[in-house]
Amino acid sequence: MFVVRPARLKDLDGLQALAKKTGTGLTTLPDHRPTLKSKIQDSLDAFASDPDPTKKRSYLLVLEDLSDGTIAGTSALIVGIGLDKPFYSYRLLHQTQVSHDPEMRVDTELLQLSNEFIGATEVATLFLDPDYRRDNLGKLLAKARYMLMAAHPDRFADRVIAEIRGWVNEEHHSPFWEAIGRHFFGMDFKEADEINGRGNSQFIADLMPKFPIYTALLPDSARDVIGKPHDGARPAIRLLEKEGFRFSGSVDIFDGGPVMEAHKRGIWTGRKSVVDVLGGTVEGEGQRPAHLAVNPAIDKFRVVLTNVVEGSSGVWLSHDAANALELKEGDTLRYGPLARTDKPQGEE
């Protein structure tokens, strides 16, 4: 049995072991022990705080293998991005210029440095140990965040975004960075990414160009990756699109990766979940788990994959699932389907 729960300080070793496996690009999970410890403490403070989406808060979740205590993955929600320090992206702008003598029309695209997502909620830090990429554990880890938002909507802003890793080659070189960032920062992509991942975004404000950049002046290698996700991030984009996220029109300033956006109330997993009480438990899980079940209490928040059977006096879970959720008969729980069977709007 696996459970997603809030991170604890005793998870520090497990989180750092995960960070060593991420490679370049996941800036919110750096292999830097002081930063990881600070992230755990910030999360503990967030879960213990009163709801206030106008303040910066970070909720860090971990996926635990209950059979041996292994931390197999992590995901996070960051509330109030841009409130404590700038949260920069490049907004893609389109400009049309017309001449009547001679008759000509020129359509151009520009990159404008922007802090437009100030105050939004970010779904972040999704990483599953490669050894555990099976049995829908990635979906459990990702969707646990949406269940947290559904259970406690007053803690999260309406606007929800997700930054997707941009495309890099096999040597982890970013064509987008080489065309823009290197000229202003004088350092490799990996070094700048690591500095930003440790929470120091001030150097971006100090050094990034403030005027729009015409994409026509960039080399083809850079233009081709604007809004293009990392090869390994395509499954994450498909999951986001199934939840209702769409491309926002902005890209990451380091690697040009797309920023996806949705409204909190429109996220499919939360919208399809309902609240009931635990009517009882049964032995054994039976068929392949098809539901997410949640202990929604903020101080005991936990999510598992299981099967939920609806009854006249509540819902029934397996004994193992109820134990993993730390629920007893009569307790409130939230549950919903793991996967949607219909196609998201606009998907063929």
Foldseek 3Di string as FASTA:
>chain_A
DKKKDFDDLVCLVLLLVQQVPPPFFQLQRHNDSVLSNVLSVQQVCLLVDDADLCDWGKTKMFMADVVPGHGFWIKIKIGFPCNVHADKWWFKDWDWDADVVPGDIDIFIKTAIDRVCGGAMETGRTDGHPVPPDLCVSLQRRCLVLQLCLLCVSNGAFKYKYAFGFADDPVRAALQCVQAVCVFPVDGLRVVSNCVSSPPCVVCVVTHDRDMDTCVPTDPSNVVGQQPGYPVCVVVVVVVVQQPWDFPNIAHNRRNHTMIIDTSCSGVSSVFKDKWFEAEAAADQPDRFFKWKWQNNSVQTMIDGGHWAQDPRTIYTHPVVCVRSVHDGGHMMMMGTSHDPDDRPPDD
